[in-house]
Each structure stands twice: as C-alpha cells, then as structure tokens.
Amino acid sequence: MAFSKSSKIYVAGHNGMVGSAIVRNLKSIGHNNLVLKSSKELDLRNSEEVTSFFNKERPEFVFLAAAKVGGILANINYKADFIYDNLMIQNNVIKNAHLFNVEKLLFLGSSCIYPKNAPQPIKEEYLLTGLLETTNEPYAIAKIAGLKMCQYFREQYGCNFISVMPTNLYGTNDNFDLKTSHVLPALLRKFHDAKLNKENKVEIWGSGNPKREFLHVDDLADACVFLMKTYNELETINVGTGEDISIKDLALLIKKVTGF
C-alpha cells in the first residue's frame, strides 16, 4: 500500500513541536485523513487506551513524535519520569502498530542517543559505542530502546518500522520556559526579555565553547514525510544540516537578531 493522499495517518504527539510540524507539512501537500488525539484524549502511557484506539481507528501509517521532552534542568530533575513515560509511550504505540497491521511506522529519536564523546560528525554506526551524556541519560536510554524495538519488530515480524534521529531542533511551538527549555529557545527568551526589560546583561551557562547543530522543525518534518514515502531500511537515519555553531556564537547571533 503506497503512502497516498487518502492514506489514514496517525501523528502521535501532534501538539508538540515536531508533531505539529509534521501535521502542517502533511496538510500542505493534501493529506487530510489524519487521526489526531491530544494527551488528554488519549494517554499513550496507558496500554489499554492505546490498544482500544488502534482497534477503533486502524491507522495505515504512524508518525511516532510523542515524547516527554525537556532541557538539561528538566532531564536532571525528572529522571524517573523521563525514562518511564517515554518507554511506555513507545512500547504501547510500536506494539499496537504491529498488532493492528500498520503499513509503516516512523519513530523519532534524538541525537542524545549517541555516546558523549562520539567522533564528529556523528555517524549512525556510532550508536552504543561509548558512554552517554549523564544529564539526559534516562531520555537517551528510552530512545535507544525505541529504535531497537523498531529494528527487532522488523527482524522478527517483518514490520516496516523505521527510525529517524534529528539533531537539535527549534521553531514553531517550541518550549520557551526557562526551567525546561533547550538552549536555543532559552537564549531567545533571555535576550528577548532582557531587551523588553531594558536589562544591561544576559547570563548564559557554561563556557560557551560547546558546539551544537540546529535544524528548523519544518525542515525535519519535510525529511520525515520524505522518508515515510521512500525509506524502508533497518538502519537509523540521522537528519541534520551538517553545520554546527558554538553556544557563544549562537548567543551573539541571537543578541544581534533580537537587537539587545
């Protein structure tokens, strides 16, 4: 069955930054047979609810973009929640996609699955070759389990489940809460607030030397839809821009853009 305009598509996590971008992308190219449920309507951590949902809706294609996410502070403070919630979400959606014969599932991981000291640029084969970054280890372990689950369901049952690993994302529907956000939205918020409040300085954590690669979420959505149409292999696919920037240079860029 081809991925077509009439295909019934379930986007898990459609209110999140990535999920909402995928929905925008699909609608822009004429896909209107979308199944969307908020976390209040469907708790993906609850296996009975998820099974009932799949049994009723019978989606043909699934984008698994639902996850509990956050920045360094949130990852440090809510380790148990991060590993439990993400494992439960993945387990339930992937298992039921198999049980109800979903044509294809795309699982979204994270660049934090790779070893802390992986050579740069990071290649897909570096997975599980070293220790993880301790600050987001619970989230990373859950995401590794998810992509391995997709691989094993493919090997054992022949499921067409693929995994996509995006680099650091930013864009529409980002999280700008300074306690739970990632670095780019946090810096945008800090500089924006400092300008509005006429403050004379902005505090930035760390040395400013670490480098990060950033990708706009709409570009990731474009890649996900493309891969859903064309990619059917076991190997994980990294999605990024291929360019990085130091946190200090990012801060100076945001200073310039916001006019602080």
C-alpha atoms as a PDB file:
ATOM      1  CA  MET A   1       0.000   0.000   0.000  1.00  0.00           C
ATOM      2  CA  ALA A   2       1.506   3.317  -1.056  1.00  0.00           C
ATOM      3  CA  PHE A   3       1.633   6.419   1.121  1.00  0.00           C
ATOM      4  CA  SER A   4      -1.051   8.491  -0.639  1.00  0.00           C
ATOM      5  CA  LYS A   5      -3.373  11.471  -0.058  1.00  0.00           C
ATOM      6  CA  SER A   6      -6.129   9.086   1.025  1.00  0.00           C
ATOM      7  CA  SER A   7      -3.939   7.148   3.484  1.00  0.00           C
ATOM      8  CA  LYS A   8      -5.130   7.171   7.094  1.00  0.00           C
ATOM      9  CA  ILE A   9      -2.264   8.694   9.078  1.00  0.00           C
ATOM     10  CA  TYR A  10      -1.875   8.848  12.863  1.00  0.00           C
ATOM     11  CA  VAL A  11       0.511  11.527  14.131  1.00  0.00           C
ATOM     12  CA  ALA A  12       1.249  10.722  17.786  1.00  0.00           C
ATOM     13  CA  GLY A  13       2.196  13.897  19.635  1.00  0.00           C
ATOM     14  CA  HIS A  14       0.572  16.292  17.148  1.00  0.00           C
ATOM     15  CA  ASN A  15       0.508  19.173  19.653  1.00  0.00           C
ATOM     16  CA  GLY A  16       4.259  19.040  20.198  1.00  0.00           C
ATOM     17  CA  MET A  17       6.841  20.932  18.188  1.00  0.00           C
ATOM     18  CA  VAL A  18       7.741  18.016  15.891  1.00  0.00           C
ATOM     19  CA  GLY A  19       4.257  16.511  15.630  1.00  0.00           C
ATOM     20  CA  SER A  20       2.631  19.842  14.777  1.00  0.00           C
ATOM     21  CA  ALA A  21       5.267  20.461  12.091  1.00  0.00           C
ATOM     22  CA  ILE A  22       4.550  17.040  10.550  1.00  0.00           C
ATOM     23  CA  VAL A  23       0.803  17.814  10.551  1.00  0.00           C
ATOM     24  CA  ARG A  24       1.417  21.206   8.873  1.00  0.00           C
ATOM     25  CA  ASN A  25       3.587  19.517   6.252  1.00  0.00           C
ATOM     26  CA  LEU A  26       1.074  16.754   5.520  1.00  0.00           C
ATOM     27  CA  LYS A  27      -1.837  19.186   5.219  1.00  0.00           C
ATOM     28  CA  SER A  28       0.186  21.448   2.916  1.00  0.00           C
ATOM     29  CA  ILE A  29       0.581  18.600   0.404  1.00  0.00           C
ATOM     30  CA  GLY A  30      -3.050  17.463   0.533  1.00  0.00           C
ATOM     31  CA  HIS A  31      -3.193  14.839   3.293  1.00  0.00           C
ATOM     32  CA  ASN A  32      -6.435  15.345   5.198  1.00  0.00           C
ATOM     33  CA  ASN A  33      -7.186  11.836   6.506  1.00  0.00           C
ATOM     34  CA  LEU A  34      -5.306  12.469   9.752  1.00  0.00           C
ATOM     35  CA  VAL A  35      -6.022  10.931  13.151  1.00  0.00           C
ATOM     36  CA  LEU A  36      -5.040  13.325  15.953  1.00  0.00           C
ATOM     37  CA  LYS A  37      -5.537  12.834  19.684  1.00  0.00           C
ATOM     38  CA  SER A  38      -4.289  15.094  22.468  1.00  0.00           C
ATOM     39  CA  SER A  39      -2.719  13.595  25.596  1.00  0.00           C
ATOM     40  CA  LYS A  40      -5.946  14.437  27.466  1.00  0.00           C
ATOM     41  CA  GLU A  41      -7.970  12.407  24.924  1.00  0.00           C
ATOM     42  CA  LEU A  42      -5.512   9.501  24.752  1.00  0.00           C
ATOM     43  CA  ASP A  43      -2.880   8.687  27.381  1.00  0.00           C
ATOM     44  CA  LEU A  44      -0.198   6.878  25.375  1.00  0.00           C
ATOM     45  CA  ARG A  45       1.307   5.536  28.626  1.00  0.00           C
ATOM     46  CA  ASN A  46      -1.891   3.505  29.164  1.00  0.00           C
ATOM     47  CA  SER A  47      -1.717   0.257  27.181  1.00  0.00           C
ATOM     48  CA  GLU A  48      -5.471  -0.434  27.327  1.00  0.00           C
ATOM     49  CA  GLU A  49      -6.312   3.017  25.968  1.00  0.00           C
ATOM     50  CA  VAL A  50      -3.771   2.682  23.162  1.00  0.00           C
ATOM     51  CA  THR A  51      -4.987  -0.786  22.155  1.00  0.00           C
ATOM     52  CA  SER A  52      -8.598   0.447  22.117  1.00  0.00           C
ATOM     53  CA  PHE A  53      -7.571   3.447  19.990  1.00  0.00           C
ATOM     54  CA  PHE A  54      -5.731   1.339  17.389  1.00  0.00           C
ATOM     55  CA  ASN A  55      -8.569  -1.185  17.288  1.00  0.00           C
ATOM     56  CA  LYS A  56     -11.094   1.594  16.581  1.00  0.00           C
ATOM     57  CA  GLU A  57      -9.084   3.830  14.212  1.00  0.00           C
ATOM     58  CA  ARG A  58      -6.905   1.308  12.310  1.00  0.00           C
ATOM     59  CA  PRO A  59      -4.336   3.839  11.025  1.00  0.00           C
ATOM     60  CA  GLU A  60      -2.283   2.790   7.993  1.00  0.00           C
ATOM     61  CA  PHE A  61       0.744   4.986   8.705  1.00  0.00           C
ATOM     62  CA  VAL A  62       2.084   6.230  12.055  1.00  0.00           C
ATOM     63  CA  PHE A  63       4.467   9.073  12.874  1.00  0.00           C
ATOM     64  CA  LEU A  64       5.594   8.486  16.475  1.00  0.00           C
ATOM     65  CA  ALA A  65       6.537  12.005  17.585  1.00  0.00           C
ATOM     66  CA  ALA A  66       5.030  11.791  21.082  1.00  0.00           C
ATOM     67  CA  ALA A  67       7.537  12.017  23.935  1.00  0.00           C
ATOM     68  CA  LYS A  68       8.232  13.601  27.285  1.00  0.00           C
ATOM     69  CA  VAL A  69      10.943  16.142  26.468  1.00  0.00           C
ATOM     70  CA  GLY A  70      12.896  18.935  28.135  1.00  0.00           C
ATOM     71  CA  GLY A  71      16.224  20.658  28.533  1.00  0.00           C
ATOM     72  CA  ILE A  72      19.143  19.889  30.850  1.00  0.00           C
ATOM     73  CA  LEU A  73      17.390  21.062  34.030  1.00  0.00           C
ATOM     74  CA  ALA A  74      14.249  19.007  33.369  1.00  0.00           C
ATOM     75  CA  ASN A  75      16.314  15.936  32.455  1.00  0.00           C
ATOM     76  CA  ILE A  76      18.276  16.208  35.714  1.00  0.00           C
ATOM     77  CA  ASN A  77      15.224  16.776  37.937  1.00  0.00           C
ATOM     78  CA  TYR A  78      12.779  14.260  36.431  1.00  0.00           C
ATOM     79  CA  LYS A  79      14.922  11.234  35.561  1.00  0.00           C
ATOM     80  CA  ALA A  80      12.357   8.615  36.586  1.00  0.00           C
ATOM     81  CA  ASP A  81       9.547  10.363  34.688  1.00  0.00           C
ATOM     82  CA  PHE A  82      11.672  10.742  31.558  1.00  0.00           C
ATOM     83  CA  ILE A  83      12.596   7.067  31.305  1.00  0.00           C
ATOM     84  CA  TYR A  84       9.201   5.672  32.407  1.00  0.00           C
ATOM     85  CA  ASP A  85       6.927   7.915  30.332  1.00  0.00           C
ATOM     86  CA  ASN A  86       8.984   7.590  27.162  1.00  0.00           C
ATOM     87  CA  LEU A  87       9.350   3.816  27.434  1.00  0.00           C
ATOM     88  CA  MET A  88       5.605   3.393  28.000  1.00  0.00           C
ATOM     89  CA  ILE A  89       4.626   5.684  25.092  1.00  0.00           C
ATOM     90  CA  GLN A  90       6.958   3.868  22.679  1.00  0.00           C
ATOM     91  CA  ASN A  91       6.130   0.369  23.874  1.00  0.00           C
ATOM     92  CA  ASN A  92       2.391   0.894  23.520  1.00  0.00           C
ATOM     93  CA  VAL A  93       2.427   2.601  20.123  1.00  0.00           C
ATOM     94  CA  ILE A  94       5.004   0.291  18.500  1.00  0.00           C
ATOM     95  CA  LYS A  95       3.406  -2.893  19.874  1.00  0.00           C
ATOM     96  CA  ASN A  96      -0.079  -1.875  18.721  1.00  0.00           C
ATOM     97  CA  ALA A  97       1.197  -0.747  15.328  1.00  0.00           C
ATOM     98  CA  HIS A  98       2.350  -4.360  14.945  1.00  0.00           C
ATOM     99  CA  LEU A  99      -0.829  -5.914  16.359  1.00  0.00           C
ATOM    100  CA  PHE A 100      -3.115  -3.895  14.080  1.00  0.00           C
ATOM    101  CA  ASN A 101      -1.002  -4.287  10.938  1.00  0.00           C
ATOM    102  CA  VAL A 102       0.074  -0.680  10.450  1.00  0.00           C
ATOM    103  CA  GLU A 103       1.630  -0.385   6.986  1.00  0.00           C
ATOM    104  CA  LYS A 104       4.575   1.693   8.195  1.00  0.00           C
ATOM    105  CA  LEU A 105       5.728   3.465  11.353  1.00  0.00           C
ATOM    106  CA  LEU A 106       8.315   6.219  11.664  1.00  0.00           C
ATOM    107  CA  PHE A 107       9.918   6.541  15.119  1.00  0.00           C
ATOM    108  CA  LEU A 108      11.546   9.821  16.083  1.00  0.00           C
ATOM    109  CA  GLY A 109      14.597   9.586  18.291  1.00  0.00           C
ATOM    110  CA  SER A 110      17.113  12.181  19.396  1.00  0.00           C
ATOM    111  CA  SER A 111      20.770  12.976  18.826  1.00  0.00           C
ATOM    112  CA  CYS A 112      21.407  12.352  22.553  1.00  0.00           C
ATOM    113  CA  ILE A 113      21.281   8.595  21.862  1.00  0.00           C
ATOM    114  CA  TYR A 114      24.891   8.806  20.687  1.00  0.00           C
ATOM    115  CA  PRO A 115      27.933   8.498  23.000  1.00  0.00           C
ATOM    116  CA  LYS A 116      29.016  11.657  24.808  1.00  0.00           C
ATOM    117  CA  ASN A 117      32.461  11.511  23.172  1.00  0.00           C
ATOM    118  CA  ALA A 118      31.412  10.256  19.741  1.00  0.00           C
ATOM    119  CA  PRO A 119      33.667  11.438  16.877  1.00  0.00           C
ATOM    120  CA  GLN A 120      32.329  14.396  14.883  1.00  0.00           C
ATOM    121  CA  PRO A 121      30.366  14.464  12.686  1.00  0.00           C
ATOM    122  CA  ILE A 122      28.272  11.756  14.345  1.00  0.00           C
ATOM    123  CA  LYS A 123      27.538   8.766  12.118  1.00  0.00           C
ATOM    124  CA  GLU A 124      24.719   6.280  12.620  1.00  0.00           C
ATOM    125  CA  GLU A 125      27.140   3.416  13.339  1.00  0.00           C
ATOM    126  CA  TYR A 126      28.475   5.180  16.461  1.00  0.00           C
ATOM    127  CA  LEU A 127      25.366   4.108  18.409  1.00  0.00           C
ATOM    128  CA  LEU A 128      26.220   2.108  21.574  1.00  0.00           C
ATOM    129  CA  THR A 129      29.977   2.522  21.127  1.00  0.00           C
ATOM    130  CA  GLY A 130      30.501   4.560  24.314  1.00  0.00           C
ATOM    131  CA  LEU A 131      29.030   6.148  27.451  1.00  0.00           C
ATOM    132  CA  LEU A 132      26.073   8.525  27.205  1.00  0.00           C
ATOM    133  CA  GLU A 133      25.909  12.122  28.410  1.00  0.00           C
ATOM    134  CA  THR A 134      24.834  11.702  32.062  1.00  0.00           C
ATOM    135  CA  THR A 135      22.490  14.728  32.150  1.00  0.00           C
ATOM    136  CA  ASN A 136      19.997  13.200  29.691  1.00  0.00           C
ATOM    137  CA  GLU A 137      20.831   9.514  30.054  1.00  0.00           C
ATOM    138  CA  PRO A 138      17.271   8.418  31.050  1.00  0.00           C
ATOM    139  CA  TYR A 139      15.774  10.035  27.924  1.00  0.00           C
ATOM    140  CA  ALA A 140      18.558   8.670  25.732  1.00  0.00           C
ATOM    141  CA  ILE A 141      18.148   5.111  27.060  1.00  0.00           C
ATOM    142  CA  ALA A 142      14.405   5.249  26.370  1.00  0.00           C
ATOM    143  CA  LYS A 143      15.010   6.485  22.815  1.00  0.00           C
ATOM    144  CA  ILE A 144      17.649   3.797  22.178  1.00  0.00           C
ATOM    145  CA  ALA A 145      15.140   1.196  23.388  1.00  0.00           C
ATOM    146  CA  GLY A 146      12.573   2.622  20.958  1.00  0.00           C
ATOM    147  CA  LEU A 147      14.766   2.431  17.881  1.00  0.00           C
ATOM    148  CA  LYS A 148      15.972  -1.056  18.847  1.00  0.00           C
ATOM    149  CA  MET A 149      12.356  -2.113  19.333  1.00  0.00           C
ATOM    150  CA  CYS A 150      11.581  -0.930  15.792  1.00  0.00           C
ATOM    151  CA  GLN A 151      14.553  -2.910  14.478  1.00  0.00           C
ATOM    152  CA  TYR A 152      13.606  -6.070  16.372  1.00  0.00           C
ATOM    153  CA  PHE A 153       9.935  -5.938  15.323  1.00  0.00           C
ATOM    154  CA  ARG A 154      11.213  -5.548  11.763  1.00  0.00           C
ATOM    155  CA  GLU A 155      13.517  -8.574  12.140  1.00  0.00           C
ATOM    156  CA  GLN A 156      11.058 -10.856  13.944  1.00  0.00           C
ATOM    157  CA  TYR A 157       7.747  -9.868  12.339  1.00  0.00           C
ATOM    158  CA  GLY A 158       8.727  -8.096   9.119  1.00  0.00           C
ATOM    159  CA  CYS A 159       7.209  -4.782  10.291  1.00  0.00           C
ATOM    160  CA  ASN A 160       8.167  -1.761   8.183  1.00  0.00           C
ATOM    161  CA  PHE A 161       9.229   0.373  11.170  1.00  0.00           C
ATOM    162  CA  ILE A 162      11.939   2.993  10.547  1.00  0.00           C
ATOM    163  CA  SER A 163      13.839   5.307  12.918  1.00  0.00           C
ATOM    164  CA  VAL A 164      14.881   8.917  12.354  1.00  0.00           C
ATOM    165  CA  MET A 165      17.348  10.788  14.589  1.00  0.00           C
ATOM    166  CA  PRO A 166      17.094  14.590  14.343  1.00  0.00           C
ATOM    167  CA  THR A 167      19.732  16.994  15.550  1.00  0.00           C
ATOM    168  CA  ASN A 168      18.829  19.884  17.935  1.00  0.00           C
ATOM    169  CA  LEU A 169      15.550  21.438  16.830  1.00  0.00           C
ATOM    170  CA  TYR A 170      13.980  24.877  17.033  1.00  0.00           C
ATOM    171  CA  GLY A 171      10.948  26.604  15.524  1.00  0.00           C
ATOM    172  CA  THR A 172       7.178  26.957  15.763  1.00  0.00           C
ATOM    173  CA  ASN A 173       5.627  25.616  19.009  1.00  0.00           C
ATOM    174  CA  ASP A 174       8.997  25.444  20.762  1.00  0.00           C
ATOM    175  CA  ASN A 175       9.182  25.486  24.560  1.00  0.00           C
ATOM    176  CA  PHE A 176      10.375  28.833  25.921  1.00  0.00           C
ATOM    177  CA  ASP A 177      10.079  28.007  29.647  1.00  0.00           C
ATOM    178  CA  LEU A 178      13.493  28.782  31.146  1.00  0.00           C
ATOM    179  CA  LYS A 179      13.234  25.836  33.573  1.00  0.00           C
ATOM    180  CA  THR A 180      12.520  23.155  30.948  1.00  0.00           C
ATOM    181  CA  SER A 181      13.574  24.504  27.538  1.00  0.00           C
ATOM    182  CA  HIS A 182      16.519  23.628  25.317  1.00  0.00           C
ATOM    183  CA  VAL A 183      19.386  26.025  24.707  1.00  0.00           C
ATOM    184  CA  LEU A 184      18.214  27.894  21.591  1.00  0.00           C
ATOM    185  CA  PRO A 185      14.690  28.812  22.765  1.00  0.00           C
ATOM    186  CA  ALA A 186      16.091  29.561  26.240  1.00  0.00           C
ATOM    187  CA  LEU A 187      18.591  32.041  24.769  1.00  0.00           C
ATOM    188  CA  LEU A 188      15.888  33.609  22.575  1.00  0.00           C
ATOM    189  CA  ARG A 189      13.700  34.089  25.646  1.00  0.00           C
ATOM    190  CA  LYS A 190      16.554  35.510  27.753  1.00  0.00           C
ATOM    191  CA  PHE A 191      17.600  38.072  25.150  1.00  0.00           C
ATOM    192  CA  HIS A 192      14.002  38.981  24.280  1.00  0.00           C
ATOM    193  CA  ASP A 193      13.109  39.532  27.955  1.00  0.00           C
ATOM    194  CA  ALA A 194      16.341  41.452  28.599  1.00  0.00           C
ATOM    195  CA  LYS A 195      15.562  43.816  25.724  1.00  0.00           C
ATOM    196  CA  LEU A 196      11.958  44.370  26.850  1.00  0.00           C
ATOM    197  CA  ASN A 197      13.019  44.941  30.470  1.00  0.00           C
ATOM    198  CA  LYS A 198      15.962  47.163  29.450  1.00  0.00           C
ATOM    199  CA  GLU A 199      18.426  44.996  31.384  1.00  0.00           C
ATOM    200  CA  ASN A 200      22.166  45.569  30.967  1.00  0.00           C
ATOM    201  CA  LYS A 201      23.278  41.915  30.805  1.00  0.00           C
ATOM    202  CA  VAL A 202      22.178  38.365  29.936  1.00  0.00           C
ATOM    203  CA  GLU A 203      23.530  35.388  31.887  1.00  0.00           C
ATOM    204  CA  ILE A 204      24.480  32.292  29.861  1.00  0.00           C
ATOM    205  CA  TRP A 205      25.501  28.992  31.434  1.00  0.00           C
ATOM    206  CA  GLY A 206      28.847  27.305  30.815  1.00  0.00           C
ATOM    207  CA  SER A 207      31.908  28.345  28.832  1.00  0.00           C
ATOM    208  CA  GLY A 208      30.106  28.981  25.532  1.00  0.00           C
ATOM    209  CA  ASN A 209      32.586  26.661  23.793  1.00  0.00           C
ATOM    210  CA  PRO A 210      30.437  23.543  23.165  1.00  0.00           C
ATOM    211  CA  LYS A 211      29.115  23.329  19.628  1.00  0.00           C
ATOM    212  CA  ARG A 212      25.610  22.328  18.589  1.00  0.00           C
ATOM    213  CA  GLU A 213      23.945  21.668  15.260  1.00  0.00           C
ATOM    214  CA  PHE A 214      20.486  23.191  14.859  1.00  0.00           C
ATOM    215  CA  LEU A 215      17.670  22.318  12.438  1.00  0.00           C
ATOM    216  CA  HIS A 216      14.361  24.106  11.934  1.00  0.00           C
ATOM    217  CA  VAL A 217      11.481  21.803  12.828  1.00  0.00           C
ATOM    218  CA  ASP A 218       9.762  22.376   9.450  1.00  0.00           C
ATOM    219  CA  ASP A 219      12.857  21.009   7.705  1.00  0.00           C
ATOM    220  CA  LEU A 220      12.714  17.919   9.926  1.00  0.00           C
ATOM    221  CA  ALA A 221       9.021  17.464   9.096  1.00  0.00           C
ATOM    222  CA  ASP A 222       9.881  17.661   5.391  1.00  0.00           C
ATOM    223  CA  ALA A 223      12.533  14.956   5.895  1.00  0.00           C
ATOM    224  CA  CYS A 224      10.130  12.727   7.874  1.00  0.00           C
ATOM    225  CA  VAL A 225       7.433  12.834   5.191  1.00  0.00           C
ATOM    226  CA  PHE A 226      10.074  12.168   2.520  1.00  0.00           C
ATOM    227  CA  LEU A 227      11.423   9.159   4.469  1.00  0.00           C
ATOM    228  CA  MET A 228       7.917   7.838   5.112  1.00  0.00           C
ATOM    229  CA  LYS A 229       7.417   7.821   1.330  1.00  0.00           C
ATOM    230  CA  THR A 230      10.808   6.483   0.283  1.00  0.00           C
ATOM    231  CA  TYR A 231      12.888   4.833   3.036  1.00  0.00           C
ATOM    232  CA  ASN A 232      12.302   1.225   4.106  1.00  0.00           C
ATOM    233  CA  GLU A 233      15.586   0.048   5.658  1.00  0.00           C
ATOM    234  CA  LEU A 234      16.707  -1.264   9.057  1.00  0.00           C
ATOM    235  CA  GLU A 235      19.392   1.378   9.608  1.00  0.00           C
ATOM    236  CA  THR A 236      18.627   4.532  11.565  1.00  0.00           C
ATOM    237  CA  ILE A 237      18.805   7.788   9.582  1.00  0.00           C
ATOM    238  CA  ASN A 238      20.331  10.976  11.008  1.00  0.00           C
ATOM    239  CA  VAL A 239      18.662  14.233   9.950  1.00  0.00           C
ATOM    240  CA  GLY A 240      20.600  17.488  10.297  1.00  0.00           C
ATOM    241  CA  THR A 241      22.137  20.436   8.483  1.00  0.00           C
ATOM    242  CA  GLY A 242      25.766  19.311   8.606  1.00  0.00           C
ATOM    243  CA  GLU A 243      26.878  22.600  10.203  1.00  0.00           C
ATOM    244  CA  ASP A 244      27.405  23.490  13.841  1.00  0.00           C
ATOM    245  CA  ILE A 245      27.826  26.666  15.893  1.00  0.00           C
ATOM    246  CA  SER A 246      29.304  27.338  19.346  1.00  0.00           C
ATOM    247  CA  ILE A 247      26.922  28.384  22.129  1.00  0.00           C
ATOM    248  CA  LYS A 248      28.836  31.677  22.400  1.00  0.00           C
ATOM    249  CA  ASP A 249      28.417  32.421  18.692  1.00  0.00           C
ATOM    250  CA  LEU A 250      24.760  31.394  18.905  1.00  0.00           C
ATOM    251  CA  ALA A 251      24.258  33.833  21.791  1.00  0.00           C
ATOM    252  CA  LEU A 252      25.939  36.636  19.815  1.00  0.00           C
ATOM    253  CA  LEU A 253      23.741  35.829  16.811  1.00  0.00           C
ATOM    254  CA  ILE A 254      20.581  35.946  18.937  1.00  0.00           C
ATOM    255  CA  LYS A 255      21.809  39.205  20.541  1.00  0.00           C
ATOM    256  CA  LYS A 256      22.052  40.667  17.042  1.00  0.00           C
ATOM    257  CA  VAL A 257      18.675  39.306  15.868  1.00  0.00           C
ATOM    258  CA  THR A 258      16.785  40.499  18.972  1.00  0.00           C
ATOM    259  CA  GLY A 259      18.566  43.859  18.997  1.00  0.00           C
ATOM    260  CA  PHE A 260      19.568  43.551  22.660  1.00  0.00           C
END
